[in-house]
Amino acid sequence: MDIAQAHEKGLYPRTNHLYRSEHCQGCPLCRECTRSRKGRTMNICHDLERQKGIVRENMATERGQELMIQRSIQSEGTFGQLKEDYSYTRLRRRGKDGVEFELWMVAAGHNIRHYCNRKSQMKERSSHLN
C-alpha cells in the first residue's frame, strides 16, 4: 500500500511515500520480523533519494573530490577549533534570526582572536629582530 504525504513546512516542500506491507497478517515470522501490529512500513522521499544520487555521482568525479579536500582544509578546521579549543558544541538560540545572530557573533569572536594572535606573533618577531 502506498500513501503519499505532502509536507509544505520548510524551505523545500517534499512528498514522502509511506509503504506498508499487507502480507504480514498471516506470517508466522511476523513477531520476529517487526514489533508493529500493522506490519512493516517504509517512509521514502523519492526527490531526496534522487538528489542524494546526484551528489554521490558528483562526489565520485575528480572535481568533486578536489572540492571536498578544499572544504576540509578551509572550513572544517575552523569548526574543529571552535568545538575543541573553545568548547562550542551547540547553539543556544532558537529561530533563524537567533541562530544567524549567534553564528555571526561566534565568527566575529573567532576572527578577533585570530587577529590578536597574529598581531602578538608579529610583535614577538619584531622584538627578536631588534
N, C-alpha and C. Protein backbone atom coordinates (compact mmCIF):
# COMPACT_ATOMS: atom_id res chain seq x y z
N MET A 1 0.85 -1.17 0.00
CA MET A 1 0.00 0.00 0.00
C MET A 1 0.90 1.24 0.00
N ASP A 2 0.62 2.19 -0.87
CA ASP A 2 1.40 3.42 -1.00
C ASP A 2 0.53 4.61 -0.61
N ILE A 3 1.00 5.37 0.38
CA ILE A 3 0.28 6.58 0.82
C ILE A 3 1.25 7.75 0.65
N ALA A 4 0.87 8.76 -0.11
CA ALA A 4 1.72 9.93 -0.32
C ALA A 4 1.33 11.02 0.67
N GLN A 5 2.33 11.60 1.34
CA GLN A 5 2.12 12.69 2.29
C GLN A 5 2.93 13.89 1.84
N ALA A 6 2.28 15.01 1.60
CA ALA A 6 2.98 16.23 1.19
C ALA A 6 3.31 17.06 2.41
N HIS A 7 4.54 17.56 2.47
CA HIS A 7 5.00 18.42 3.56
C HIS A 7 5.34 19.78 2.98
N GLU A 8 4.62 20.80 3.36
CA GLU A 8 4.85 22.15 2.87
C GLU A 8 5.74 22.94 3.82
N LYS A 9 6.03 22.39 4.99
CA LYS A 9 6.81 23.10 6.00
C LYS A 9 8.27 23.19 5.56
N GLY A 10 8.88 24.32 5.79
CA GLY A 10 10.29 24.47 5.46
C GLY A 10 10.51 25.12 4.11
N LEU A 11 11.76 25.22 3.74
CA LEU A 11 12.15 25.90 2.51
C LEU A 11 11.85 25.06 1.27
N TYR A 12 12.02 23.74 1.38
CA TYR A 12 11.83 22.86 0.24
C TYR A 12 10.67 21.90 0.52
N PRO A 13 9.53 22.12 -0.11
CA PRO A 13 8.41 21.19 0.10
C PRO A 13 8.76 19.82 -0.47
N ARG A 14 8.25 18.77 0.14
CA ARG A 14 8.57 17.42 -0.32
C ARG A 14 7.35 16.53 -0.16
N THR A 15 7.38 15.43 -0.87
CA THR A 15 6.32 14.43 -0.77
C THR A 15 6.96 13.12 -0.32
N ASN A 16 6.53 12.64 0.83
CA ASN A 16 7.00 11.36 1.34
C ASN A 16 6.00 10.28 0.97
N HIS A 17 6.51 9.12 0.64
CA HIS A 17 5.66 7.97 0.33
C HIS A 17 5.80 6.97 1.47
N LEU A 18 4.68 6.58 2.02
CA LEU A 18 4.66 5.61 3.11
C LEU A 18 4.22 4.28 2.52
N TYR A 19 5.11 3.31 2.58
CA TYR A 19 4.82 1.98 2.07
C TYR A 19 4.59 1.05 3.25
N ARG A 20 3.49 0.31 3.21
CA ARG A 20 3.17 -0.62 4.29
C ARG A 20 2.89 -1.99 3.67
N SER A 21 3.51 -3.01 4.23
CA SER A 21 3.31 -4.36 3.74
C SER A 21 1.95 -4.87 4.19
N GLU A 22 1.23 -5.48 3.26
CA GLU A 22 -0.07 -6.04 3.58
C GLU A 22 0.00 -7.55 3.80
N HIS A 23 1.17 -8.13 3.67
CA HIS A 23 1.32 -9.58 3.72
C HIS A 23 1.78 -10.08 5.09
N CYS A 24 1.83 -9.24 6.10
CA CYS A 24 2.34 -9.64 7.40
C CYS A 24 1.28 -10.33 8.26
N GLN A 25 0.02 -10.16 7.94
CA GLN A 25 -1.02 -10.62 8.85
C GLN A 25 -1.08 -12.13 9.04
N GLY A 26 -0.72 -12.93 8.15
CA GLY A 26 -0.76 -14.39 8.35
C GLY A 26 0.62 -15.00 8.48
N CYS A 27 1.65 -14.17 8.53
CA CYS A 27 3.03 -14.66 8.51
C CYS A 27 3.44 -15.20 9.88
N PRO A 28 4.01 -16.41 9.95
CA PRO A 28 4.44 -16.97 11.24
C PRO A 28 5.69 -16.27 11.78
N LEU A 29 6.43 -15.57 10.95
CA LEU A 29 7.66 -14.89 11.39
C LEU A 29 7.42 -13.41 11.70
N CYS A 30 6.17 -12.98 11.69
CA CYS A 30 5.85 -11.56 11.88
C CYS A 30 6.39 -11.03 13.20
N ARG A 31 6.28 -11.77 14.28
CA ARG A 31 6.75 -11.31 15.59
C ARG A 31 8.27 -11.16 15.63
N GLU A 32 8.98 -11.98 14.88
CA GLU A 32 10.45 -11.89 14.83
C GLU A 32 10.91 -10.77 13.90
N CYS A 33 10.08 -10.46 12.92
CA CYS A 33 10.45 -9.50 11.88
C CYS A 33 10.16 -8.06 12.29
N THR A 34 9.04 -7.83 12.96
CA THR A 34 8.64 -6.47 13.30
C THR A 34 7.85 -6.46 14.61
N ARG A 35 7.92 -5.36 15.31
CA ARG A 35 7.15 -5.21 16.54
C ARG A 35 5.76 -4.64 16.29
N SER A 36 5.60 -4.03 15.14
CA SER A 36 4.34 -3.37 14.81
C SER A 36 3.24 -4.40 14.54
N ARG A 37 2.04 -4.08 14.96
CA ARG A 37 0.90 -4.96 14.69
C ARG A 37 0.38 -4.78 13.27
N LYS A 38 0.72 -3.65 12.67
CA LYS A 38 0.24 -3.35 11.32
C LYS A 38 1.17 -3.85 10.24
N GLY A 39 2.36 -4.34 10.58
CA GLY A 39 3.31 -4.83 9.60
C GLY A 39 4.42 -3.82 9.35
N ARG A 40 5.30 -4.16 8.45
CA ARG A 40 6.45 -3.32 8.12
C ARG A 40 6.03 -2.06 7.38
N THR A 41 6.70 -0.93 7.68
CA THR A 41 6.45 0.31 6.95
C THR A 41 7.78 0.94 6.56
N MET A 42 7.77 1.65 5.44
CA MET A 42 8.94 2.40 4.97
C MET A 42 8.46 3.78 4.57
N ASN A 43 9.23 4.81 4.95
CA ASN A 43 8.90 6.19 4.61
C ASN A 43 9.99 6.70 3.68
N ILE A 44 9.67 6.95 2.42
CA ILE A 44 10.68 7.30 1.42
C ILE A 44 10.28 8.60 0.72
N CYS A 45 11.26 9.48 0.55
CA CYS A 45 11.08 10.69 -0.24
C CYS A 45 11.89 10.50 -1.53
N HIS A 46 11.22 10.27 -2.63
CA HIS A 46 11.90 9.97 -3.90
C HIS A 46 12.73 11.15 -4.40
N ASP A 47 12.26 12.38 -4.18
CA ASP A 47 13.03 13.55 -4.60
C ASP A 47 14.36 13.61 -3.85
N LEU A 48 14.32 13.35 -2.55
CA LEU A 48 15.54 13.37 -1.75
C LEU A 48 16.49 12.26 -2.19
N GLU A 49 15.98 11.08 -2.45
CA GLU A 49 16.82 9.97 -2.91
C GLU A 49 17.47 10.29 -4.25
N ARG A 50 16.73 10.96 -5.16
CA ARG A 50 17.30 11.35 -6.44
C ARG A 50 18.42 12.38 -6.25
N GLN A 51 18.21 13.36 -5.34
CA GLN A 51 19.24 14.35 -5.06
C GLN A 51 20.49 13.70 -4.45
N LYS A 52 20.30 12.74 -3.56
CA LYS A 52 21.43 12.03 -2.96
C LYS A 52 22.24 11.30 -4.03
N GLY A 53 21.53 10.71 -5.01
CA GLY A 53 22.21 10.03 -6.11
C GLY A 53 23.05 10.99 -6.94
N ILE A 54 22.52 12.18 -7.20
CA ILE A 54 23.26 13.20 -7.96
C ILE A 54 24.50 13.62 -7.18
N VAL A 55 24.35 13.80 -5.87
CA VAL A 55 25.50 14.20 -5.05
C VAL A 55 26.56 13.10 -5.06
N ARG A 56 26.15 11.84 -4.94
CA ARG A 56 27.12 10.73 -4.97
C ARG A 56 27.87 10.69 -6.30
N GLU A 57 27.15 10.91 -7.41
CA GLU A 57 27.79 10.94 -8.73
C GLU A 57 28.80 12.09 -8.82
N ASN A 58 28.40 13.27 -8.32
CA ASN A 58 29.31 14.43 -8.36
C ASN A 58 30.54 14.19 -7.50
N MET A 59 30.36 13.56 -6.35
CA MET A 59 31.49 13.32 -5.45
C MET A 59 32.44 12.27 -5.99
N ALA A 60 31.97 11.42 -6.89
CA ALA A 60 32.82 10.38 -7.46
C ALA A 60 33.77 10.93 -8.51
N THR A 61 33.52 12.14 -9.01
CA THR A 61 34.40 12.73 -10.02
C THR A 61 35.65 13.31 -9.36
N GLU A 62 36.65 13.56 -10.18
CA GLU A 62 37.89 14.17 -9.67
C GLU A 62 37.63 15.55 -9.10
N ARG A 63 36.81 16.33 -9.80
CA ARG A 63 36.49 17.69 -9.35
C ARG A 63 35.77 17.67 -8.00
N GLY A 64 34.84 16.74 -7.83
CA GLY A 64 34.11 16.62 -6.56
C GLY A 64 35.04 16.27 -5.41
N GLN A 65 35.97 15.37 -5.64
CA GLN A 65 36.92 15.00 -4.59
C GLN A 65 37.85 16.16 -4.26
N GLU A 66 38.21 16.92 -5.29
CA GLU A 66 39.06 18.11 -5.08
C GLU A 66 38.33 19.15 -4.23
N LEU A 67 37.04 19.36 -4.51
CA LEU A 67 36.25 20.32 -3.74
C LEU A 67 36.11 19.87 -2.28
N MET A 68 35.94 18.58 -2.05
CA MET A 68 35.84 18.08 -0.67
C MET A 68 37.15 18.29 0.09
N ILE A 69 38.26 18.11 -0.58
CA ILE A 69 39.56 18.34 0.06
C ILE A 69 39.68 19.81 0.43
N GLN A 70 39.28 20.71 -0.49
CA GLN A 70 39.34 22.15 -0.21
C GLN A 70 38.43 22.51 0.96
N ARG A 71 37.26 21.88 1.01
CA ARG A 71 36.34 22.15 2.12
C ARG A 71 36.96 21.74 3.45
N SER A 72 37.58 20.58 3.46
CA SER A 72 38.17 20.11 4.71
C SER A 72 39.33 21.00 5.14
N ILE A 73 40.04 21.57 4.19
CA ILE A 73 41.16 22.44 4.52
C ILE A 73 40.65 23.80 5.01
N GLN A 74 39.67 24.37 4.31
CA GLN A 74 39.27 25.74 4.58
C GLN A 74 38.29 25.89 5.74
N SER A 75 37.20 25.14 5.75
CA SER A 75 36.17 25.42 6.75
C SER A 75 36.14 24.43 7.90
N GLU A 76 36.44 23.19 7.65
CA GLU A 76 36.34 22.19 8.71
C GLU A 76 37.31 22.48 9.85
N GLY A 77 38.46 23.03 9.54
CA GLY A 77 39.43 23.37 10.59
C GLY A 77 38.90 24.40 11.56
N THR A 78 38.21 25.40 11.03
CA THR A 78 37.64 26.44 11.87
C THR A 78 36.58 25.86 12.80
N PHE A 79 35.70 25.02 12.27
CA PHE A 79 34.68 24.40 13.12
C PHE A 79 35.32 23.49 14.15
N GLY A 80 36.38 22.80 13.77
CA GLY A 80 37.08 21.94 14.72
C GLY A 80 37.69 22.75 15.86
N GLN A 81 38.26 23.91 15.53
CA GLN A 81 38.82 24.78 16.57
C GLN A 81 37.74 25.27 17.51
N LEU A 82 36.61 25.69 16.96
CA LEU A 82 35.51 26.17 17.80
C LEU A 82 35.02 25.08 18.74
N LYS A 83 34.93 23.86 18.23
CA LYS A 83 34.41 22.77 19.05
C LYS A 83 35.43 22.31 20.09
N GLU A 84 36.66 22.08 19.68
CA GLU A 84 37.66 21.51 20.59
C GLU A 84 38.29 22.56 21.50
N ASP A 85 38.79 23.63 20.91
CA ASP A 85 39.55 24.61 21.69
C ASP A 85 38.67 25.50 22.56
N TYR A 86 37.47 25.80 22.09
CA TYR A 86 36.62 26.75 22.81
C TYR A 86 35.34 26.10 23.34
N SER A 87 35.25 24.79 23.25
CA SER A 87 34.11 24.01 23.78
C SER A 87 32.76 24.54 23.29
N TYR A 88 32.70 24.95 22.06
CA TYR A 88 31.45 25.45 21.47
C TYR A 88 30.82 24.29 20.71
N THR A 89 29.90 23.58 21.34
CA THR A 89 29.35 22.38 20.73
C THR A 89 27.88 22.49 20.36
N ARG A 90 27.19 23.53 20.84
CA ARG A 90 25.78 23.64 20.48
C ARG A 90 25.33 25.09 20.44
N LEU A 91 24.30 25.34 19.64
CA LEU A 91 23.72 26.67 19.56
C LEU A 91 22.81 26.90 20.75
N ARG A 92 22.80 28.11 21.27
CA ARG A 92 21.99 28.41 22.44
C ARG A 92 20.72 29.18 22.09
N ARG A 93 20.59 29.62 20.86
CA ARG A 93 19.42 30.40 20.44
C ARG A 93 18.55 29.56 19.52
N ARG A 94 17.29 29.97 19.42
CA ARG A 94 16.34 29.29 18.53
C ARG A 94 15.84 30.25 17.48
N GLY A 95 15.34 29.70 16.41
CA GLY A 95 14.81 30.52 15.33
C GLY A 95 15.92 30.93 14.38
N LYS A 96 15.54 31.20 13.16
CA LYS A 96 16.52 31.54 12.12
C LYS A 96 17.31 32.80 12.49
N ASP A 97 16.63 33.83 12.93
CA ASP A 97 17.32 35.09 13.26
C ASP A 97 18.26 34.91 14.44
N GLY A 98 17.82 34.21 15.47
CA GLY A 98 18.66 33.99 16.65
C GLY A 98 19.89 33.17 16.34
N VAL A 99 19.72 32.12 15.56
CA VAL A 99 20.84 31.26 15.18
C VAL A 99 21.82 32.03 14.31
N GLU A 100 21.28 32.80 13.36
CA GLU A 100 22.14 33.60 12.48
C GLU A 100 22.95 34.61 13.29
N PHE A 101 22.31 35.28 14.23
CA PHE A 101 22.99 36.25 15.09
C PHE A 101 24.10 35.57 15.90
N GLU A 102 23.77 34.42 16.48
CA GLU A 102 24.76 33.71 17.29
C GLU A 102 25.97 33.28 16.45
N LEU A 103 25.72 32.79 15.26
CA LEU A 103 26.83 32.36 14.41
C LEU A 103 27.69 33.55 13.98
N TRP A 104 27.06 34.70 13.71
CA TRP A 104 27.83 35.90 13.38
C TRP A 104 28.72 36.31 14.55
N MET A 105 28.16 36.24 15.77
CA MET A 105 28.94 36.61 16.96
C MET A 105 30.11 35.64 17.19
N VAL A 106 29.86 34.36 17.02
CA VAL A 106 30.93 33.36 17.18
C VAL A 106 32.01 33.58 16.12
N ALA A 107 31.60 33.84 14.89
CA ALA A 107 32.56 34.09 13.81
C ALA A 107 33.38 35.35 14.09
N ALA A 108 32.71 36.40 14.56
CA ALA A 108 33.43 37.64 14.89
C ALA A 108 34.43 37.39 16.01
N GLY A 109 34.02 36.67 17.04
CA GLY A 109 34.94 36.35 18.14
C GLY A 109 36.13 35.53 17.66
N HIS A 110 35.87 34.58 16.79
CA HIS A 110 36.95 33.76 16.23
C HIS A 110 37.93 34.63 15.43
N ASN A 111 37.38 35.52 14.61
CA ASN A 111 38.24 36.39 13.79
C ASN A 111 39.05 37.36 14.65
N ILE A 112 38.45 37.90 15.70
CA ILE A 112 39.18 38.81 16.60
C ILE A 112 40.30 38.06 17.31
N ARG A 113 40.02 36.86 17.78
CA ARG A 113 41.03 36.02 18.41
C ARG A 113 42.18 35.75 17.44
N HIS A 114 41.83 35.41 16.21
CA HIS A 114 42.82 35.13 15.17
C HIS A 114 43.69 36.36 14.90
N TYR A 115 43.06 37.53 14.81
CA TYR A 115 43.77 38.78 14.58
C TYR A 115 44.72 39.10 15.73
N CYS A 116 44.24 38.96 16.96
CA CYS A 116 45.09 39.25 18.14
C CYS A 116 46.28 38.31 18.21
N ASN A 117 46.06 37.03 17.91
CA ASN A 117 47.18 36.08 17.92
C ASN A 117 48.22 36.44 16.86
N ARG A 118 47.78 36.81 15.67
CA ARG A 118 48.72 37.21 14.62
C ARG A 118 49.49 38.48 15.01
N LYS A 119 48.77 39.43 15.60
CA LYS A 119 49.39 40.68 15.99
C LYS A 119 50.47 40.44 17.06
N SER A 120 50.17 39.57 18.03
CA SER A 120 51.15 39.29 19.07
C SER A 120 52.35 38.53 18.49
N GLN A 121 52.13 37.67 17.51
CA GLN A 121 53.24 36.98 16.85
C GLN A 121 54.13 37.96 16.11
N MET A 122 53.54 38.95 15.47
CA MET A 122 54.31 39.96 14.75
C MET A 122 55.14 40.79 15.73
N LYS A 123 54.59 41.11 16.90
CA LYS A 123 55.33 41.86 17.91
C LYS A 123 56.52 41.05 18.42
N GLU A 124 56.30 39.77 18.65
CA GLU A 124 57.40 38.89 19.11
C GLU A 124 58.51 38.82 18.08
N ARG A 125 58.15 38.69 16.82
CA ARG A 125 59.17 38.61 15.75
C ARG A 125 59.96 39.92 15.67
N SER A 126 59.24 41.03 15.75
CA SER A 126 59.93 42.31 15.64
C SER A 126 60.83 42.56 16.87
N SER A 127 60.44 42.10 18.04
CA SER A 127 61.27 42.29 19.24
C SER A 127 62.51 41.39 19.19
N HIS A 128 62.42 40.25 18.56
CA HIS A 128 63.58 39.35 18.41
C HIS A 128 64.58 39.89 17.40
N LEU A 129 64.12 40.64 16.44
CA LEU A 129 65.00 41.19 15.42
C LEU A 129 65.75 42.41 15.95
N ASN A 130 65.20 43.14 16.91
CA ASN A 130 65.85 44.36 17.42
C ASN A 130 66.86 44.04 18.44
